[in-house]
C-alpha atoms as a PDB file:
ATOM      1  CA  MET A   1       0.109  -0.287  -0.066  1.00  0.00           C
ATOM      2  CA  LYS A   2       1.325   3.658  -1.051  1.00  0.00           C
ATOM      3  CA  LYS A   3       0.410   6.806   0.426  1.00  0.00           C
ATOM      4  CA  MET A   4       1.429   9.830  -0.306  1.00  0.00           C
ATOM      5  CA  GLY A   5       0.413  13.899   0.351  1.00  0.00           C
ATOM      6  CA  ALA A   6      -2.026  15.535  -1.958  1.00  0.00           C
ATOM      7  CA  GLY A   7       0.698  18.233  -2.528  1.00  0.00           C
ATOM      8  CA  GLU A   8       3.433  15.245  -3.974  1.00  0.00           C
ATOM      9  CA  PHE A   9       0.671  13.498  -6.047  1.00  0.00           C
ATOM     10  CA  LYS A  10       0.088  17.137  -7.571  1.00  0.00           C
ATOM     11  CA  ALA A  11       4.022  17.278  -8.720  1.00  0.00           C
ATOM     12  CA  LYS A  12       3.961  13.858  -9.527  1.00  0.00           C
ATOM     13  CA  CYS A  13       0.725  13.214 -10.828  1.00  0.00           C
ATOM     14  CA  LEU A  14       1.567  11.612 -14.058  1.00  0.00           C
ATOM     15  CA  ALA A  15       4.630   9.523 -12.995  1.00  0.00           C
ATOM     16  CA  VAL A  16       1.916   8.357 -10.148  1.00  0.00           C
ATOM     17  CA  LEU A  17      -0.734   7.122 -12.864  1.00  0.00           C
ATOM     18  CA  ASP A  18       1.749   5.408 -14.975  1.00  0.00           C
ATOM     19  CA  SER A  19       2.908   3.424 -11.820  1.00  0.00           C
ATOM     20  CA  VAL A  20      -0.375   2.526 -10.692  1.00  0.00           C
ATOM     21  CA  ALA A  21      -0.744   1.304 -14.339  1.00  0.00           C
ATOM     22  CA  LYS A  22       1.881  -0.354 -14.503  1.00  0.00           C
ATOM     23  CA  GLU A  23       2.671  -2.174 -10.828  1.00  0.00           C
ATOM     24  CA  HIS A  24      -1.678  -2.618 -10.610  1.00  0.00           C
ATOM     25  CA  GLU A  25      -0.774  -1.382  -7.343  1.00  0.00           C
ATOM     26  CA  THR A  26      -3.312   1.160  -4.976  1.00  0.00           C
ATOM     27  CA  VAL A  27      -2.232   4.878  -4.210  1.00  0.00           C
ATOM     28  CA  TYR A  28      -3.867   6.377  -1.056  1.00  0.00           C
ATOM     29  CA  ILE A  29      -3.627   9.924  -1.198  1.00  0.00           C
ATOM     30  CA  THR A  30      -3.905  12.128   1.492  1.00  0.00           C
ATOM     31  CA  LYS A  31      -4.024  15.571   2.676  1.00  0.00           C
ATOM     32  CA  ARG A  32      -2.770  16.814   6.360  1.00  0.00           C
ATOM     33  CA  GLY A  33      -2.784  12.914   7.431  1.00  0.00           C
ATOM     34  CA  LYS A  34      -6.377  12.105   6.370  1.00  0.00           C
ATOM     35  CA  LEU A  35      -7.228   9.485   3.900  1.00  0.00           C
ATOM     36  CA  VAL A  36      -9.387  11.652   0.966  1.00  0.00           C
ATOM     37  CA  ALA A  37      -8.621   9.773  -2.339  1.00  0.00           C
ATOM     38  CA  ALA A  38      -7.544   6.273  -3.724  1.00  0.00           C
ATOM     39  CA  LEU A  39      -6.395   5.846  -6.997  1.00  0.00           C
ATOM     40  CA  VAL A  40      -6.869   2.566  -8.275  1.00  0.00           C
ATOM     41  CA  PRO A  41      -5.675   0.228 -11.245  1.00  0.00           C
ATOM     42  CA  PRO A  42      -8.059  -0.221 -14.739  1.00  0.00           C
ATOM     43  CA  PRO A  43      -9.570  -3.649 -14.706  1.00  0.00           C
ATOM     44  CA  GLU A  44      -7.593  -6.052 -16.637  1.00  0.00           C
ATOM     45  CA  THR A  45      -9.725  -5.421 -19.783  1.00  0.00           C
ATOM     46  CA  ASN A  46     -12.014  -3.216 -20.805  1.00  0.00           C
ATOM     47  CA  ASP A  47     -14.355  -6.118 -21.342  1.00  0.00           C
ATOM     48  CA  ASP A  48     -14.707  -6.036 -17.379  1.00  0.00           C
ATOM     49  CA  LEU A  49     -15.376  -2.517 -17.194  1.00  0.00           C
ATOM     50  CA  VAL A  50     -17.943  -2.826 -20.127  1.00  0.00           C
ATOM     51  CA  ALA A  51     -19.757  -5.884 -18.814  1.00  0.00           C
ATOM     52  CA  SER A  52     -19.887  -4.489 -15.305  1.00  0.00           C
ATOM     53  CA  LEU A  53     -22.091  -1.434 -17.471  1.00  0.00           C
ATOM     54  CA  ARG A  54     -24.561  -3.771 -18.740  1.00  0.00           C
ATOM     55  CA  GLY A  55     -28.212  -3.832 -18.390  1.00  0.00           C
ATOM     56  CA  SER A  56     -27.423   0.110 -16.777  1.00  0.00           C
ATOM     57  CA  VAL A  57     -28.583   1.903 -20.027  1.00  0.00           C
ATOM     58  CA  VAL A  58     -32.216   2.491 -20.828  1.00  0.00           C
ATOM     59  CA  PHE A  59     -33.577   3.771 -24.104  1.00  0.00           C
ATOM     60  CA  GLU A  60     -36.306   5.164 -24.585  1.00  0.00           C
ATOM     61  CA  ASP A  61     -38.284   6.585 -28.216  1.00  0.00           C
ATOM     62  CA  ASP A  62     -38.898  10.355 -27.479  1.00  0.00           C
ATOM     63  CA  ILE A  63     -38.375  12.179 -24.601  1.00  0.00           C
ATOM     64  CA  VAL A  64     -38.288  15.598 -25.761  1.00  0.00           C
ATOM     65  CA  SER A  65     -41.833  15.659 -27.564  1.00  0.00           C
ATOM     66  CA  PRO A  66     -44.744  16.829 -25.512  1.00  0.00           C
ATOM     67  CA  VAL A  67     -46.880  14.643 -23.667  1.00  0.00           C
ATOM     68  CA  ASP A  68     -50.589  14.786 -24.328  1.00  0.00           C
ATOM     69  CA  GLU A  69     -51.557  14.053 -20.794  1.00  0.00           C
ATOM     70  CA  LYS A  70     -52.327  17.632 -18.528  1.00  0.00           C
ATOM     71  CA  TRP A  71     -50.758  18.496 -15.707  1.00  0.00           C
ATOM     72  CA  GLU A  72     -52.257  19.916 -12.664  1.00  0.00           C
ATOM     73  CA  VAL A  73     -49.922  22.094 -10.033  1.00  0.00           C
ATOM     74  CA  GLY A  74     -51.256  22.735  -6.745  1.00  0.00           C
ATOM     75  CA  GLU A  75     -50.035  25.606  -4.420  1.00  0.00           C
END
């Protein structure tokens, strides 16, 4: 487990990103000693990412045309 301060992460951001991708090791980022973020490596393949989204999108035919129903607004 690697930890680094936000200031150090800011200065070395691109190198840290490359390291996480290459070594597949999570880096925890802290501010004043408190954990604020975790930089985690991506899944081994994009298939895992796509599979995790499967079924999460709903297609609707027309969402911008007016509806035929009258709405009442209460006060």
